[in-house]
Amino acid sequence: KQRTLQTITRAVGVGLHSGQRVEITLRPAAPDTGIVFRRVDLDPVVELPASAMGVGDTRMASVLEKEGVRVSTVEHLLSACAGLGIDNLIVELNAEEIPIMDGSAASFVFLLQQAGYAEQDAAKKFIRVLKPVEVREGTGAQEKWARLEPWDGFRLKFFIEFNHPAVDGSGQTAEVDLGLESYIQEIARARTFGFTRDVEMMRA
């Protein structure tokens, strides 16, 4: 069954990149709505569905764009929704950026849990990968790639390489099978990180 929230829940925070105070309201939504971001600070209000086709910029944050309107840093809230199985949700905000909270998805997990879940009279929809799909970009040391392969479940494996001692000296590979491991325990608290060299640019 599809899932939404039982009640409305709200939070206030600060945008990581903008420094703006942001009010966010999470509302239940009807079956097959999906997750929709609503910029209530604009007149008229603009709605941006959470869709891969709506992704604009991905430097420093995941950004949804529609006709010049943006909602940025959506990745932690969308992670929490995916991890908790929330299919339908209206996200109202009065600024361009989702608040960073503690830098992880855990704060959003807490908010969603406080609102409670409501099962809906509609079946969930899944994408099933039937054959390997791969994309590559760049060459040599700058090459990046991602691959989807058929699997009976949902398993993720990541490898990062930053050529930096703080990263190279720690675990550079992570693998999680969401059929066996808990999203809340193993993933939700993973935090964003940055480099000192980027601090002044961020402040500017």
C-alpha atoms as a PDB file:
ATOM      1  CA  LYS A   1       0.000   0.000   0.000  1.00  0.00           C
ATOM      2  CA  GLN A   2       1.040   3.606  -0.586  1.00  0.00           C
ATOM      3  CA  ARG A   3       1.785   5.648   2.511  1.00  0.00           C
ATOM      4  CA  THR A   4       1.385   9.275   3.565  1.00  0.00           C
ATOM      5  CA  LEU A   5       1.356  11.128   6.908  1.00  0.00           C
ATOM      6  CA  GLN A   6      -1.431  10.988   9.476  1.00  0.00           C
ATOM      7  CA  THR A   7      -1.077  14.626  10.511  1.00  0.00           C
ATOM      8  CA  ILE A   8       0.681  17.848   9.558  1.00  0.00           C
ATOM      9  CA  THR A   9       4.124  18.505  11.043  1.00  0.00           C
ATOM     10  CA  ARG A  10       6.308  21.624  10.948  1.00  0.00           C
ATOM     11  CA  ALA A  11       9.895  22.683  11.560  1.00  0.00           C
ATOM     12  CA  VAL A  12      12.066  25.790  11.325  1.00  0.00           C
ATOM     13  CA  GLY A  13      15.717  25.769  10.304  1.00  0.00           C
ATOM     14  CA  VAL A  14      18.420  27.475   8.292  1.00  0.00           C
ATOM     15  CA  GLY A  15      19.448  26.872   4.694  1.00  0.00           C
ATOM     16  CA  LEU A  16      23.036  25.618   4.512  1.00  0.00           C
ATOM     17  CA  HIS A  17      23.936  27.530   1.347  1.00  0.00           C
ATOM     18  CA  SER A  18      21.629  30.549   1.652  1.00  0.00           C
ATOM     19  CA  GLY A  19      21.843  31.159   5.407  1.00  0.00           C
ATOM     20  CA  GLN A  20      18.121  31.972   5.284  1.00  0.00           C
ATOM     21  CA  ARG A  21      15.636  31.061   8.003  1.00  0.00           C
ATOM     22  CA  VAL A  22      13.207  28.550   6.497  1.00  0.00           C
ATOM     23  CA  GLU A  23       9.825  27.329   7.693  1.00  0.00           C
ATOM     24  CA  ILE A  24       8.827  23.915   6.377  1.00  0.00           C
ATOM     25  CA  THR A  25       5.435  22.223   6.656  1.00  0.00           C
ATOM     26  CA  LEU A  26       4.894  18.561   5.762  1.00  0.00           C
ATOM     27  CA  ARG A  27       1.290  17.722   4.816  1.00  0.00           C
ATOM     28  CA  PRO A  28      -0.501  14.458   3.988  1.00  0.00           C
ATOM     29  CA  ALA A  29      -1.265  13.990   0.289  1.00  0.00           C
ATOM     30  CA  ALA A  30      -3.697  11.882  -1.748  1.00  0.00           C
ATOM     31  CA  PRO A  31      -2.657   8.575  -3.380  1.00  0.00           C
ATOM     32  CA  ASP A  32      -0.511   8.928  -6.517  1.00  0.00           C
ATOM     33  CA  THR A  33       0.410  12.543  -5.652  1.00  0.00           C
ATOM     34  CA  GLY A  34       4.067  11.685  -5.105  1.00  0.00           C
ATOM     35  CA  ILE A  35       6.253  14.106  -3.179  1.00  0.00           C
ATOM     36  CA  VAL A  36       5.597  17.698  -4.204  1.00  0.00           C
ATOM     37  CA  PHE A  37       7.523  20.769  -3.040  1.00  0.00           C
ATOM     38  CA  ARG A  38       5.388  23.915  -2.807  1.00  0.00           C
ATOM     39  CA  ARG A  39       7.035  27.373  -2.715  1.00  0.00           C
ATOM     40  CA  VAL A  40       4.448  29.279  -0.676  1.00  0.00           C
ATOM     41  CA  ASP A  41       6.638  32.411  -0.589  1.00  0.00           C
ATOM     42  CA  LEU A  42       5.864  33.014  -4.263  1.00  0.00           C
ATOM     43  CA  ASP A  43       2.722  34.546  -5.764  1.00  0.00           C
ATOM     44  CA  PRO A  44       1.360  32.528  -7.398  1.00  0.00           C
ATOM     45  CA  VAL A  45       2.559  29.477  -5.449  1.00  0.00           C
ATOM     46  CA  VAL A  46       4.790  27.175  -7.536  1.00  0.00           C
ATOM     47  CA  GLU A  47       4.760  23.380  -7.163  1.00  0.00           C
ATOM     48  CA  LEU A  48       7.814  21.285  -8.036  1.00  0.00           C
ATOM     49  CA  PRO A  49       7.332  17.499  -8.068  1.00  0.00           C
ATOM     50  CA  ALA A  50      10.208  15.345  -6.835  1.00  0.00           C
ATOM     51  CA  SER A  51      11.171  13.842 -10.190  1.00  0.00           C
ATOM     52  CA  ALA A  52      14.473  12.835 -11.741  1.00  0.00           C
ATOM     53  CA  MET A  53      13.449  14.861 -14.803  1.00  0.00           C
ATOM     54  CA  GLY A  54      13.157  17.971 -12.613  1.00  0.00           C
ATOM     55  CA  VAL A  55      16.713  17.836 -11.270  1.00  0.00           C
ATOM     56  CA  GLY A  56      18.745  20.886 -12.273  1.00  0.00           C
ATOM     57  CA  ASP A  57      21.986  21.611 -10.446  1.00  0.00           C
ATOM     58  CA  THR A  58      23.760  18.879  -8.443  1.00  0.00           C
ATOM     59  CA  ARG A  59      26.846  20.834  -7.307  1.00  0.00           C
ATOM     60  CA  MET A  60      26.953  20.993  -3.499  1.00  0.00           C
ATOM     61  CA  ALA A  61      23.240  20.036  -3.285  1.00  0.00           C
ATOM     62  CA  SER A  62      20.424  18.362  -5.219  1.00  0.00           C
ATOM     63  CA  VAL A  63      18.217  21.045  -6.774  1.00  0.00           C
ATOM     64  CA  LEU A  64      14.774  20.759  -8.344  1.00  0.00           C
ATOM     65  CA  GLU A  65      14.020  23.408 -10.970  1.00  0.00           C
ATOM     66  CA  LYS A  66      10.891  24.416 -12.869  1.00  0.00           C
ATOM     67  CA  GLU A  67      10.536  27.511 -15.071  1.00  0.00           C
ATOM     68  CA  GLY A  68      13.277  29.352 -13.194  1.00  0.00           C
ATOM     69  CA  VAL A  69      11.985  28.424  -9.719  1.00  0.00           C
ATOM     70  CA  ARG A  70      14.253  26.297  -7.534  1.00  0.00           C
ATOM     71  CA  VAL A  71      14.058  24.154  -4.408  1.00  0.00           C
ATOM     72  CA  SER A  72      17.513  23.165  -3.248  1.00  0.00           C
ATOM     73  CA  THR A  73      19.091  20.701  -0.800  1.00  0.00           C
ATOM     74  CA  VAL A  74      16.190  18.250  -1.129  1.00  0.00           C
ATOM     75  CA  GLU A  75      18.339  15.129  -0.711  1.00  0.00           C
ATOM     76  CA  HIS A  76      18.051  14.580   3.062  1.00  0.00           C
ATOM     77  CA  LEU A  77      14.268  14.956   3.201  1.00  0.00           C
ATOM     78  CA  LEU A  78      13.812  12.734   0.141  1.00  0.00           C
ATOM     79  CA  SER A  79      16.134  10.152   1.697  1.00  0.00           C
ATOM     80  CA  ALA A  80      13.970  10.088   4.835  1.00  0.00           C
ATOM     81  CA  CYS A  81      10.807   9.681   2.751  1.00  0.00           C
ATOM     82  CA  ALA A  82      12.327   6.814   0.766  1.00  0.00           C
ATOM     83  CA  GLY A  83      13.719   5.135   3.885  1.00  0.00           C
ATOM     84  CA  LEU A  84      10.374   5.295   5.701  1.00  0.00           C
ATOM     85  CA  GLY A  85       8.293   4.385   2.657  1.00  0.00           C
ATOM     86  CA  ILE A  86       6.465   7.736   2.374  1.00  0.00           C
ATOM     87  CA  ASP A  87       5.005   7.892  -1.147  1.00  0.00           C
ATOM     88  CA  ASN A  88       2.746  10.953  -1.000  1.00  0.00           C
ATOM     89  CA  LEU A  89       3.621  14.224   0.701  1.00  0.00           C
ATOM     90  CA  ILE A  90       3.219  17.985   0.224  1.00  0.00           C
ATOM     91  CA  VAL A  91       6.279  19.933   1.383  1.00  0.00           C
ATOM     92  CA  GLU A  92       5.547  23.635   1.852  1.00  0.00           C
ATOM     93  CA  LEU A  93       8.442  26.035   2.341  1.00  0.00           C
ATOM     94  CA  ASN A  94       8.842  29.800   2.436  1.00  0.00           C
ATOM     95  CA  ALA A  95      12.316  29.967   0.879  1.00  0.00           C
ATOM     96  CA  GLU A  96      14.378  28.347  -1.864  1.00  0.00           C
ATOM     97  CA  GLU A  97      16.246  25.870   0.318  1.00  0.00           C
ATOM     98  CA  ILE A  98      15.219  22.992   2.590  1.00  0.00           C
ATOM     99  CA  PRO A  99      16.739  23.594   6.059  1.00  0.00           C
ATOM    100  CA  ILE A 100      19.927  21.619   6.738  1.00  0.00           C
ATOM    101  CA  MET A 101      18.856  20.640  10.306  1.00  0.00           C
ATOM    102  CA  ASP A 102      21.733  18.514  11.718  1.00  0.00           C
ATOM    103  CA  GLY A 103      23.250  17.746   8.301  1.00  0.00           C
ATOM    104  CA  SER A 104      21.644  14.320   7.994  1.00  0.00           C
ATOM    105  CA  ALA A 105      18.255  12.752   7.230  1.00  0.00           C
ATOM    106  CA  ALA A 106      17.725  11.859  10.918  1.00  0.00           C
ATOM    107  CA  SER A 107      15.898  15.103  11.799  1.00  0.00           C
ATOM    108  CA  PHE A 108      13.452  14.521   8.957  1.00  0.00           C
ATOM    109  CA  VAL A 109      12.975  10.908  10.051  1.00  0.00           C
ATOM    110  CA  PHE A 110      12.021  12.239  13.504  1.00  0.00           C
ATOM    111  CA  LEU A 111       9.561  14.767  11.999  1.00  0.00           C
ATOM    112  CA  LEU A 112       7.906  12.136   9.815  1.00  0.00           C
ATOM    113  CA  GLN A 113       7.676   9.680  12.703  1.00  0.00           C
ATOM    114  CA  GLN A 114       6.067  12.359  14.912  1.00  0.00           C
ATOM    115  CA  ALA A 115       3.377  12.923  12.276  1.00  0.00           C
ATOM    116  CA  GLY A 116       2.702   9.186  12.005  1.00  0.00           C
ATOM    117  CA  TYR A 117       2.027   7.118   8.900  1.00  0.00           C
ATOM    118  CA  ALA A 118      -1.259   6.438   7.156  1.00  0.00           C
ATOM    119  CA  GLU A 119      -1.659   3.570   4.700  1.00  0.00           C
ATOM    120  CA  GLN A 120      -3.681   4.441   1.613  1.00  0.00           C
ATOM    121  CA  ASP A 121      -6.013   2.451  -0.594  1.00  0.00           C
ATOM    122  CA  ALA A 122      -3.598   2.290  -3.520  1.00  0.00           C
ATOM    123  CA  ALA A 123      -0.738  -0.022  -4.424  1.00  0.00           C
ATOM    124  CA  LYS A 124       2.874   1.152  -4.263  1.00  0.00           C
ATOM    125  CA  LYS A 125       4.700   1.423  -7.570  1.00  0.00           C
ATOM    126  CA  PHE A 126       8.214   0.109  -8.106  1.00  0.00           C
ATOM    127  CA  ILE A 127      10.760   0.296 -10.882  1.00  0.00           C
ATOM    128  CA  ARG A 128      12.224  -3.130 -11.611  1.00  0.00           C
ATOM    129  CA  VAL A 129      15.615  -3.221 -13.336  1.00  0.00           C
ATOM    130  CA  LEU A 130      15.577  -6.004 -15.926  1.00  0.00           C
ATOM    131  CA  LYS A 131      19.073  -5.594 -17.405  1.00  0.00           C
ATOM    132  CA  PRO A 132      22.282  -3.722 -16.473  1.00  0.00           C
ATOM    133  CA  VAL A 133      22.269   0.030 -17.165  1.00  0.00           C
ATOM    134  CA  GLU A 134      25.456   2.105 -16.860  1.00  0.00           C
ATOM    135  CA  VAL A 135      26.507   5.735 -17.340  1.00  0.00           C
ATOM    136  CA  ARG A 136      30.060   7.083 -17.384  1.00  0.00           C
ATOM    137  CA  GLU A 137      31.473  10.588 -17.464  1.00  0.00           C
ATOM    138  CA  GLY A 138      35.065  11.839 -17.751  1.00  0.00           C
ATOM    139  CA  THR A 139      38.267   9.881 -18.313  1.00  0.00           C
ATOM    140  CA  GLY A 140      41.189   8.567 -16.269  1.00  0.00           C
ATOM    141  CA  ALA A 141      41.316   9.812 -12.665  1.00  0.00           C
ATOM    142  CA  GLN A 142      38.332  12.108 -13.350  1.00  0.00           C
ATOM    143  CA  GLU A 143      36.058   9.288 -14.494  1.00  0.00           C
ATOM    144  CA  LYS A 144      32.741   8.863 -12.667  1.00  0.00           C
ATOM    145  CA  TRP A 145      30.277   6.059 -13.211  1.00  0.00           C
ATOM    146  CA  ALA A 146      27.066   4.538 -11.890  1.00  0.00           C
ATOM    147  CA  ARG A 147      25.492   1.183 -12.695  1.00  0.00           C
ATOM    148  CA  LEU A 148      22.116  -0.414 -12.020  1.00  0.00           C
ATOM    149  CA  GLU A 149      21.886  -4.213 -12.092  1.00  0.00           C
ATOM    150  CA  PRO A 150      18.944  -6.591 -11.612  1.00  0.00           C
ATOM    151  CA  TRP A 151      18.553  -7.681  -7.969  1.00  0.00           C
ATOM    152  CA  ASP A 152      15.800  -9.256  -5.916  1.00  0.00           C
ATOM    153  CA  GLY A 153      15.548  -6.357  -3.482  1.00  0.00           C
ATOM    154  CA  PHE A 154      17.406  -3.051  -3.127  1.00  0.00           C
ATOM    155  CA  ARG A 155      21.143  -3.037  -2.463  1.00  0.00           C
ATOM    156  CA  LEU A 156      23.436  -0.016  -2.754  1.00  0.00           C
ATOM    157  CA  LYS A 157      27.221   0.052  -3.026  1.00  0.00           C
ATOM    158  CA  PHE A 158      29.252   3.267  -3.109  1.00  0.00           C
ATOM    159  CA  PHE A 159      32.909   4.091  -3.546  1.00  0.00           C
ATOM    160  CA  ILE A 160      34.276   7.636  -3.135  1.00  0.00           C
ATOM    161  CA  GLU A 161      37.716   8.978  -3.922  1.00  0.00           C
ATOM    162  CA  PHE A 162      38.643  12.526  -2.893  1.00  0.00           C
ATOM    163  CA  ASN A 163      42.446  12.256  -2.726  1.00  0.00           C
ATOM    164  CA  HIS A 164      42.258  13.720   0.779  1.00  0.00           C
ATOM    165  CA  PRO A 165      43.728  12.145   3.945  1.00  0.00           C
ATOM    166  CA  ALA A 166      40.497  12.533   5.958  1.00  0.00           C
ATOM    167  CA  VAL A 167      38.664  10.455   3.370  1.00  0.00           C
ATOM    168  CA  ASP A 168      41.437   8.134   2.195  1.00  0.00           C
ATOM    169  CA  GLY A 169      42.209   7.137   5.788  1.00  0.00           C
ATOM    170  CA  SER A 170      38.631   6.093   6.485  1.00  0.00           C
ATOM    171  CA  GLY A 171      36.163   3.786   4.822  1.00  0.00           C
ATOM    172  CA  GLN A 172      35.827   4.719   1.162  1.00  0.00           C
ATOM    173  CA  THR A 173      33.357   1.954   0.350  1.00  0.00           C
ATOM    174  CA  ALA A 174      29.909   1.344   1.799  1.00  0.00           C
ATOM    175  CA  GLU A 175      27.410  -1.366   0.970  1.00  0.00           C
ATOM    176  CA  VAL A 176      23.874  -1.564   2.328  1.00  0.00           C
ATOM    177  CA  ASP A 177      21.163  -4.113   1.585  1.00  0.00           C
ATOM    178  CA  LEU A 178      17.871  -2.515   2.586  1.00  0.00           C
ATOM    179  CA  GLY A 179      16.228  -5.930   2.732  1.00  0.00           C
ATOM    180  CA  LEU A 180      18.535  -6.869   5.611  1.00  0.00           C
ATOM    181  CA  GLU A 181      19.565  -3.630   7.295  1.00  0.00           C
ATOM    182  CA  SER A 182      17.629  -0.802   8.912  1.00  0.00           C
ATOM    183  CA  TYR A 183      17.518   2.543   7.100  1.00  0.00           C
ATOM    184  CA  ILE A 184      17.013   4.368  10.410  1.00  0.00           C
ATOM    185  CA  GLN A 185      19.958   2.650  12.119  1.00  0.00           C
ATOM    186  CA  GLU A 186      22.442   2.391   9.240  1.00  0.00           C
ATOM    187  CA  ILE A 187      21.792   5.318   6.880  1.00  0.00           C
ATOM    188  CA  ALA A 188      19.651   8.146   8.284  1.00  0.00           C
ATOM    189  CA  ARG A 189      22.385   9.589  10.531  1.00  0.00           C
ATOM    190  CA  ALA A 190      25.016   9.769   7.763  1.00  0.00           C
ATOM    191  CA  ARG A 191      26.035  13.426   7.520  1.00  0.00           C
ATOM    192  CA  THR A 192      27.021  15.775   4.782  1.00  0.00           C
ATOM    193  CA  PHE A 193      30.654  16.889   4.925  1.00  0.00           C
ATOM    194  CA  GLY A 194      32.653  19.663   3.313  1.00  0.00           C
ATOM    195  CA  PHE A 195      36.204  20.877   2.908  1.00  0.00           C
ATOM    196  CA  THR A 196      37.843  23.882   4.559  1.00  0.00           C
ATOM    197  CA  ARG A 197      38.820  25.228   1.142  1.00  0.00           C
ATOM    198  CA  ASP A 198      35.121  25.674   0.308  1.00  0.00           C
ATOM    199  CA  VAL A 199      34.119  27.521   3.502  1.00  0.00           C
ATOM    200  CA  GLU A 200      34.808  31.074   2.269  1.00  0.00           C
ATOM    201  CA  MET A 201      32.979  30.418  -0.999  1.00  0.00           C
ATOM    202  CA  MET A 202      30.002  29.105   0.989  1.00  0.00           C
ATOM    203  CA  ARG A 203      30.031  32.148   3.279  1.00  0.00           C
ATOM    204  CA  ALA A 204      30.207  34.475   0.267  1.00  0.00           C
END
